[in-house]
Protein backbone atom coordinates (compact mmCIF):
# COMPACT_ATOMS: atom_id res chain seq x y z
CA MET A 1 11.67 18.51 27.14
CA LYS A 2 10.98 18.72 23.37
CA GLN A 3 10.00 15.41 21.84
CA PRO A 4 11.48 14.12 18.60
CA ILE A 5 9.36 12.39 15.97
CA ILE A 6 9.90 8.67 15.60
CA SER A 7 8.31 7.54 12.29
CA GLY A 8 8.91 3.84 12.82
CA ILE A 9 11.46 1.09 12.23
CA GLN A 10 13.31 2.15 9.06
CA GLN A 11 15.32 -1.02 8.80
CA ILE A 12 17.33 -3.69 10.59
CA GLY A 13 20.88 -4.27 9.33
CA ILE A 14 21.66 -7.83 8.17
CA GLY A 15 25.28 -8.75 7.72
CA VAL A 16 25.82 -11.21 4.84
CA SER A 17 28.63 -12.74 2.84
CA ASN A 18 27.04 -11.92 -0.59
CA VAL A 19 24.80 -8.89 -0.67
CA HIS A 20 23.36 -9.61 -4.19
CA ASP A 21 22.46 -13.20 -3.40
CA ALA A 22 20.78 -12.16 -0.17
CA PHE A 23 18.80 -9.36 -1.81
CA ALA A 24 17.60 -11.85 -4.38
CA TRP A 25 16.53 -14.34 -1.65
CA TYR A 26 14.63 -11.72 0.41
CA ARG A 27 13.05 -10.34 -2.76
CA LYS A 28 11.75 -13.67 -4.01
CA HIS A 29 10.68 -15.08 -0.65
CA LEU A 30 9.53 -12.07 1.29
CA GLY A 31 8.74 -9.34 -1.30
CA MET A 32 11.57 -7.06 -0.21
CA ASP A 33 11.94 -5.84 -3.80
CA ILE A 34 12.42 -2.10 -3.71
CA PRO A 35 16.21 -1.13 -3.45
CA MET A 36 15.99 2.36 -1.85
CA PHE A 37 19.76 2.58 -2.31
CA ASP A 38 22.36 0.22 -3.66
CA GLU A 39 25.82 1.56 -2.76
CA ALA A 40 29.41 0.41 -2.46
CA ALA A 41 31.41 2.78 -0.28
CA GLU A 42 33.68 3.11 2.77
CA ALA A 43 32.16 3.06 6.24
CA ALA A 44 34.42 5.72 7.64
CA LEU A 45 32.36 6.93 10.72
CA MET A 46 31.76 3.67 12.57
CA LEU A 47 35.27 3.43 13.87
CA PRO A 48 34.21 2.50 17.45
CA TYR A 49 32.67 -0.71 15.99
CA THR A 50 35.05 -1.52 13.07
CA GLY A 51 38.28 -1.90 14.92
CA GLY A 52 39.24 1.72 14.66
CA GLU A 53 39.67 1.54 10.90
CA PRO A 54 37.43 2.58 7.98
CA ARG A 55 35.98 -0.50 6.25
CA SER A 56 34.68 -0.88 2.63
CA ARG A 57 31.26 -2.36 2.26
CA HIS A 58 28.29 -2.82 -0.13
CA ALA A 59 24.82 -2.13 1.17
CA ILE A 60 21.27 -2.43 -0.32
CA LEU A 61 18.35 -1.03 1.58
CA ALA A 62 15.40 -3.23 0.52
CA LEU A 63 11.74 -2.27 1.21
CA ASN A 64 8.36 -3.97 0.77
CA LEU A 65 5.73 -1.49 -0.48
CA GLN A 66 2.98 -3.15 1.48
CA SER A 67 4.38 -1.53 4.65
CA GLY A 68 6.90 -2.29 7.39
CA GLY A 69 10.51 -1.59 7.92
CA GLY A 70 13.28 -2.44 5.46
CA MET A 71 16.37 -4.63 5.46
CA GLU A 72 19.79 -3.01 5.15
CA ILE A 73 21.55 -5.93 3.55
CA TRP A 74 25.21 -5.32 4.29
CA GLN A 75 28.46 -6.99 3.10
CA TYR A 76 32.03 -6.19 3.96
CA THR A 77 34.19 -5.92 0.81
CA SER A 78 37.49 -5.06 2.47
CA ARG A 79 37.50 -8.05 4.86
CA THR A 80 35.73 -11.36 5.19
CA PRO A 81 32.70 -11.08 7.49
CA VAL A 82 32.87 -13.13 10.59
CA GLY A 83 30.14 -15.36 12.04
CA PRO A 84 29.62 -15.95 15.78
CA GLU A 85 32.10 -18.22 17.51
CA VAL A 86 29.22 -20.26 18.96
CA ALA A 87 25.74 -20.38 17.40
CA PRO A 88 23.37 -17.94 19.24
CA LEU A 89 20.58 -19.22 21.41
CA LEU A 90 17.27 -17.69 22.55
CA GLY A 91 17.96 -14.95 25.01
CA ASP A 92 21.55 -14.28 24.10
CA HIS A 93 22.15 -10.61 24.21
CA GLY A 94 21.43 -8.82 20.89
CA ILE A 95 18.93 -9.09 18.06
CA PHE A 96 18.09 -12.75 17.67
CA ILE A 97 14.90 -12.85 15.54
CA ILE A 98 13.33 -10.45 13.09
CA LYS A 99 9.53 -10.23 12.96
CA ILE A 100 7.88 -10.05 9.51
CA LYS A 101 4.27 -8.93 9.19
CA SER A 102 1.77 -11.08 7.30
CA LYS A 103 -1.77 -10.69 6.07
CA GLU A 104 -2.42 -14.43 6.41
CA VAL A 105 0.08 -16.34 8.53
CA ALA A 106 -1.10 -19.78 7.33
CA LYS A 107 -0.84 -18.65 3.66
CA THR A 108 2.73 -17.40 4.24
CA TYR A 109 3.59 -20.68 5.95
CA ASP A 110 2.37 -22.67 2.94
CA PHE A 111 4.17 -20.36 0.49
CA LEU A 112 7.51 -20.67 2.29
CA LYS A 113 7.04 -24.42 2.66
CA SER A 114 6.43 -24.73 -1.09
CA LYS A 115 9.76 -22.87 -1.71
CA GLY A 116 11.70 -25.36 0.49
CA VAL A 117 12.44 -22.82 3.23
CA ASP A 118 13.79 -24.16 6.51
CA LEU A 119 10.64 -23.94 8.68
CA LEU A 120 11.58 -24.23 12.36
CA THR A 121 8.06 -24.55 13.77
CA GLU A 122 4.52 -25.25 12.74
CA VAL A 123 2.01 -22.43 12.94
CA THR A 124 1.42 -22.12 16.70
CA LYS A 125 -0.07 -19.45 19.02
CA THR A 126 1.84 -16.72 20.75
CA PRO A 127 1.31 -16.04 24.48
CA GLU A 128 -1.17 -13.40 23.20
CA GLY A 129 -3.09 -16.12 21.36
CA LYS A 130 -2.20 -15.01 17.80
CA PRO A 131 -0.89 -17.41 15.08
CA HIS A 132 2.83 -17.24 14.23
CA PHE A 133 5.73 -19.39 13.11
CA TYR A 134 9.49 -19.32 12.72
CA PHE A 135 11.85 -20.06 9.87
CA LYS A 136 15.53 -19.75 9.06
CA ASP A 137 16.96 -18.14 5.91
CA PRO A 138 20.00 -19.65 4.02
CA TYR A 139 22.33 -17.46 6.05
CA ASP A 140 21.27 -18.84 9.52
CA ASN A 141 19.12 -15.85 10.43
CA ILE A 142 15.82 -16.63 12.15
CA PHE A 143 12.59 -14.88 11.32
CA GLU A 144 9.16 -14.88 12.92
CA ILE A 145 5.99 -14.36 10.82
CA VAL A 146 3.31 -12.52 12.78
CA PRO A 147 -0.14 -11.16 11.86
CA ALA A 148 -0.74 -7.52 11.18
CA ASN A 149 -3.62 -5.42 10.04
CA ASP A 150 -2.05 -2.07 8.99
CA TRP A 151 -1.14 -2.11 5.32
CA PHE A 152 -0.09 0.65 2.92
CA ALA A 153 -0.18 -0.78 -0.57
CA SER A 154 -0.79 -4.13 -2.25
CA THR A 155 1.43 -6.67 -4.04
CA ASP A 156 1.29 -10.42 -4.70
CA PHE A 157 3.01 -11.30 -1.41
CA SER A 158 1.20 -12.11 1.76
CA THR A 159 4.09 -10.58 3.72
CA GLY A 160 5.06 -7.02 4.29
CA GLY A 161 8.31 -5.75 5.74
CA ILE A 162 9.84 -5.74 9.25
CA PHE A 163 7.33 -5.51 12.15
CA GLY A 164 9.93 -5.62 14.90
CA CYS A 165 12.39 -7.99 16.46
CA GLN A 166 13.27 -10.05 19.46
CA ILE A 167 16.13 -8.76 21.57
CA GLY A 168 17.98 -10.68 24.30
CA VAL A 169 18.62 -8.56 27.37
CA SER A 170 20.15 -9.08 30.79
CA ASP A 171 17.49 -7.13 32.71
CA VAL A 172 14.13 -6.26 31.17
CA ASP A 173 13.40 -3.56 33.67
CA GLN A 174 16.70 -1.75 32.81
CA SER A 175 16.06 -2.16 29.10
CA LEU A 176 12.62 -0.54 29.41
CA LYS A 177 14.41 2.71 30.19
CA LEU A 178 15.37 2.79 26.51
CA TYR A 179 12.67 0.84 24.66
CA ARG A 180 9.76 2.27 26.61
CA ASP A 181 10.94 5.63 27.84
CA VAL A 182 12.88 6.70 24.70
CA LEU A 183 11.42 4.73 21.85
CA GLY A 184 7.82 4.92 22.96
CA TYR A 185 6.96 1.20 23.40
CA ASP A 186 4.67 1.92 26.36
CA GLN A 187 2.22 -0.94 26.09
CA ILE A 188 3.09 -4.26 27.77
CA VAL A 189 1.07 -6.89 25.79
CA TYR A 190 2.37 -9.73 28.05
CA ASP A 191 5.04 -10.26 30.62
CA LYS A 192 5.53 -14.00 31.32
CA THR A 193 8.25 -16.16 32.77
CA GLU A 194 8.41 -19.90 31.83
CA SER A 195 9.81 -22.29 29.19
CA PHE A 196 7.62 -21.51 26.19
CA THR A 197 6.14 -24.33 24.08
CA ASP A 198 5.67 -22.13 20.94
CA TRP A 199 9.47 -21.81 20.78
CA LYS A 200 10.04 -25.51 20.43
CA GLY A 201 12.37 -25.97 17.39
CA ILE A 202 14.35 -22.81 17.99
CA PRO A 203 17.89 -23.09 19.39
CA GLY A 204 17.71 -22.44 23.12
CA SER A 205 13.93 -23.04 23.36
CA GLU A 206 14.38 -25.15 26.57
CA ARG A 207 15.64 -22.04 28.49
CA LYS A 208 13.37 -20.55 31.12
CA CYS A 209 12.90 -16.90 30.13
CA ARG A 210 11.08 -13.74 30.98
CA ARG A 211 9.33 -12.74 27.79
CA VAL A 212 7.93 -9.22 27.41
CA LEU A 213 6.08 -8.03 24.27
CA LEU A 214 6.01 -4.25 23.78
CA ARG A 215 3.86 -2.13 21.47
CA HIS A 216 3.39 1.71 21.17
CA SER A 217 -0.01 3.15 22.16
CA GLN A 218 0.57 6.31 20.08
CA ALA A 219 0.46 6.17 16.36
CA ARG A 220 3.79 6.99 14.71
CA LYS A 221 4.07 10.33 12.93
CA GLY A 222 6.44 11.82 10.34
CA ALA A 223 7.19 11.51 6.63
CA PHE A 224 7.27 7.78 6.28
CA SER A 225 4.95 6.77 9.15
CA LYS A 226 2.20 5.44 6.87
CA MET A 227 4.54 3.14 5.01
CA LEU A 228 6.66 2.02 7.96
CA GLY A 229 3.48 1.29 10.08
CA HIS A 230 3.20 -0.10 13.53
CA SER A 231 5.84 -2.24 15.23
CA GLU A 232 6.56 -4.31 18.29
CA LEU A 233 9.61 -5.46 20.26
CA GLU A 234 9.96 -8.65 22.28
CA LEU A 235 12.48 -8.54 25.13
CA VAL A 236 13.77 -11.87 26.32
CA GLN A 237 15.69 -12.31 29.60
CA VAL A 238 17.08 -15.72 30.37
CA ILE A 239 16.53 -16.86 33.97
CA ASP A 240 19.30 -18.78 35.80
CA THR A 241 21.25 -19.90 32.71
CA PRO A 242 24.49 -18.47 31.40
CA VAL A 243 24.16 -16.39 28.24
CA LYS A 244 26.53 -14.69 25.84
CA LYS A 245 26.58 -11.59 23.65
CA ILE A 246 25.83 -12.48 20.05
CA PHE A 247 28.45 -10.03 18.73
CA THR A 248 31.24 -10.90 21.10
CA ASN A 249 34.66 -10.53 19.44
CA ARG A 250 33.05 -9.32 16.20
CA MET A 251 32.54 -6.09 14.32
CA TRP A 252 29.47 -4.15 13.32
CA GLY A 253 28.56 -5.41 9.90
CA ASP A 254 29.66 -9.02 10.51
CA LEU A 255 27.25 -11.86 9.81
CA GLY A 256 23.83 -11.63 11.46
CA TYR A 257 21.58 -8.89 12.76
CA ILE A 258 23.80 -5.88 13.32
CA HIS A 259 21.54 -3.05 14.40
CA LEU A 260 17.87 -1.78 14.74
CA CYS A 261 17.30 1.51 12.99
CA TYR A 262 14.47 4.09 13.43
CA ASP A 263 13.47 6.88 11.07
CA ILE A 264 13.27 10.06 13.13
CA SER A 265 13.00 13.84 12.95
CA ASP A 266 14.69 16.46 15.23
CA MET A 267 18.00 14.75 16.12
CA PRO A 268 18.90 17.45 18.72
CA ALA A 269 15.64 16.71 20.65
CA LEU A 270 16.39 13.02 20.50
CA GLU A 271 19.95 13.51 21.69
CA ALA A 272 18.78 15.46 24.67
CA ILE A 273 16.37 12.69 25.66
CA CYS A 274 19.01 10.01 25.12
CA ASN A 275 21.52 11.82 27.26
CA ALA A 276 18.96 12.38 30.00
CA LYS A 277 18.14 8.66 30.04
CA GLY A 278 21.80 7.60 30.04
CA PHE A 279 22.14 6.51 26.33
CA PRO A 280 24.52 9.06 24.71
CA PHE A 281 25.33 8.98 21.01
CA THR A 282 28.34 6.79 20.40
CA VAL A 283 28.45 7.72 16.62
CA ASP A 284 27.20 10.95 15.13
CA SER A 285 27.74 11.63 11.46
CA ARG A 286 27.76 15.45 12.06
CA ARG A 287 30.74 15.18 14.26
CA ASP A 288 32.85 14.35 11.23
CA GLU A 289 33.67 17.64 9.45
CA LYS A 290 33.69 15.98 6.10
CA SER A 291 30.08 14.94 6.35
CA LYS A 292 28.88 18.51 7.22
CA ASP A 293 25.11 18.64 7.51
CA SER A 294 24.19 15.55 5.45
CA PHE A 295 25.97 12.31 5.18
CA ASP A 296 26.00 11.19 1.47
CA MET A 297 24.77 7.66 0.92
CA GLY A 298 24.93 7.82 -2.90
CA GLU A 299 21.28 7.70 -3.79
CA ALA A 300 20.24 9.04 -0.38
CA ALA A 301 21.49 11.48 2.21
CA GLY A 302 20.80 12.24 5.87
CA HIS A 303 22.07 12.52 9.43
CA PHE A 304 22.64 9.29 11.38
CA THR A 305 23.55 8.44 14.95
CA TYR A 306 24.00 5.38 17.13
CA ILE A 307 23.42 4.44 20.78
CA GLU A 308 23.77 1.21 22.69
CA ASP A 309 21.09 -0.45 24.81
CA PRO A 310 22.16 -1.57 28.31
CA ASP A 311 23.69 -4.77 26.85
CA GLY A 312 25.50 -3.13 23.95
CA THR A 313 22.88 -3.86 21.20
CA LEU A 314 23.21 -1.13 18.57
CA ILE A 315 20.31 1.18 17.83
CA GLU A 316 20.58 3.53 14.86
CA PHE A 317 18.63 6.76 14.25
CA VAL A 318 18.40 8.26 10.75
CA GLU A 319 17.01 11.70 9.90
CA ALA A 320 16.64 11.47 6.14
CA HIS A 321 17.39 14.56 4.05
CA LYS A 322 17.24 13.16 0.53
CA ILE A 323 15.60 10.02 -0.86
CA PRO A 324 15.08 8.63 -4.32
CA ILE A 325 11.40 8.52 -5.33
CA LEU A 326 11.65 7.63 -9.07
CA LYS A 327 15.21 6.77 -10.00
CA LYS A 328 14.44 6.28 -13.70
CA ILE A 329 13.72 9.97 -14.21
CA GLY A 330 16.04 11.31 -11.51
CA TRP A 331 13.35 12.39 -8.98
CA TYR A 332 14.81 12.83 -5.56
CA LEU A 333 12.88 14.29 -2.66
CA ASP A 334 14.46 17.00 -0.46
CA LEU A 335 12.91 16.30 2.92
CA LYS A 336 14.56 19.32 4.56
CA LYS A 337 12.12 21.60 2.70
CA ARG A 338 9.07 19.75 4.02
CA ASP A 339 7.06 19.83 7.30
CA ARG A 340 8.60 16.76 8.97
CA THR A 341 5.54 16.32 11.24
CA LYS A 342 3.36 15.38 8.32
CA ALA A 343 3.25 12.13 6.46
CA LEU A 344 4.21 12.12 2.79
CA PRO A 345 1.29 11.79 0.41
CA ASN A 346 0.28 8.23 -0.37
CA TRP A 347 0.56 8.82 -4.10
CA MET A 348 4.11 9.90 -3.72
CA LEU A 349 5.28 6.92 -1.74
CA LYS A 350 3.35 4.57 -4.02
CA THR A 351 5.44 5.72 -6.94
CA LEU A 352 8.28 3.68 -5.38
CA LYS A 353 6.58 0.65 -7.08
CA PHE A 354 8.34 1.77 -10.28
CA ASN A 355 11.63 0.96 -8.57
CA ARG A 356 10.63 -2.60 -7.79
CA VAL A 357 12.89 -5.37 -8.97
CA LYS A 358 10.97 -8.48 -10.10
């Protein structure tokens, strides 16, 4: 079966109540200061997840030039976004924690502490023996700072972009059929079951969990692979304690972590694999005759699809067709005319620094 190209985590969607305030916070505290697009529009194709009606929203895709995935900061404008009925706990089904990469974990800790950020833990060791810590943003989203050694460019921040996330699942072995067999996270760094002391301070930390950290053995390829970099996923299965779905009775785009998105190439090949593994596309922008080949996202365009993991967590795939490189002079790159197996030149991607908001 033909294999698609997965370039890395493009972004994780974050539902907020004020998109501009949230962008400012992530820019000032985490260096997510490049708005790849900033668009107010109607989300007309996500009807299975928006109550069967198109919904207006404003979204900003924020990147950190040092490497890592972006944040799609997302706000409903046609309705008031809804928070969870009960605060999520470790292991509840869905995306619970975003991992942010750091050059120096202790330096990042000191910086965030100096800014008055809500630090949930001290710097402790992961089950792998690496330093990390957790904090909460002003919108009740939990982040983990983890060390990384793959970097693309340099800024004044010790942090890069998104390195992965923690996902609550009902059955790790069933979830591996997606995260390992489709998305390529074939390395099990650890697989442990206990109540973990490094989680003390996080809601639900007393739960006994099976905790599995996954990485990919093969380097990512494709246009944005150098900038998106490596990533990891942590699957958490609660043992013998009732759990809930984080997005129960809520819509895609409501408050919190709404989806995990991958930059890919060759959507037909990806669809064939997803179908074979039992994860059919639930949304496909090409099925809508109005979108035709490319879905217009204002400053960008592409083909996007969604699937669900075994517990309903949303995974998005985007095959970019047009991206803004240097907005000030109107330079937009047509990716359909390029060899999608090859990474874009470093110099080209580094020109994104001229789009930074300081």
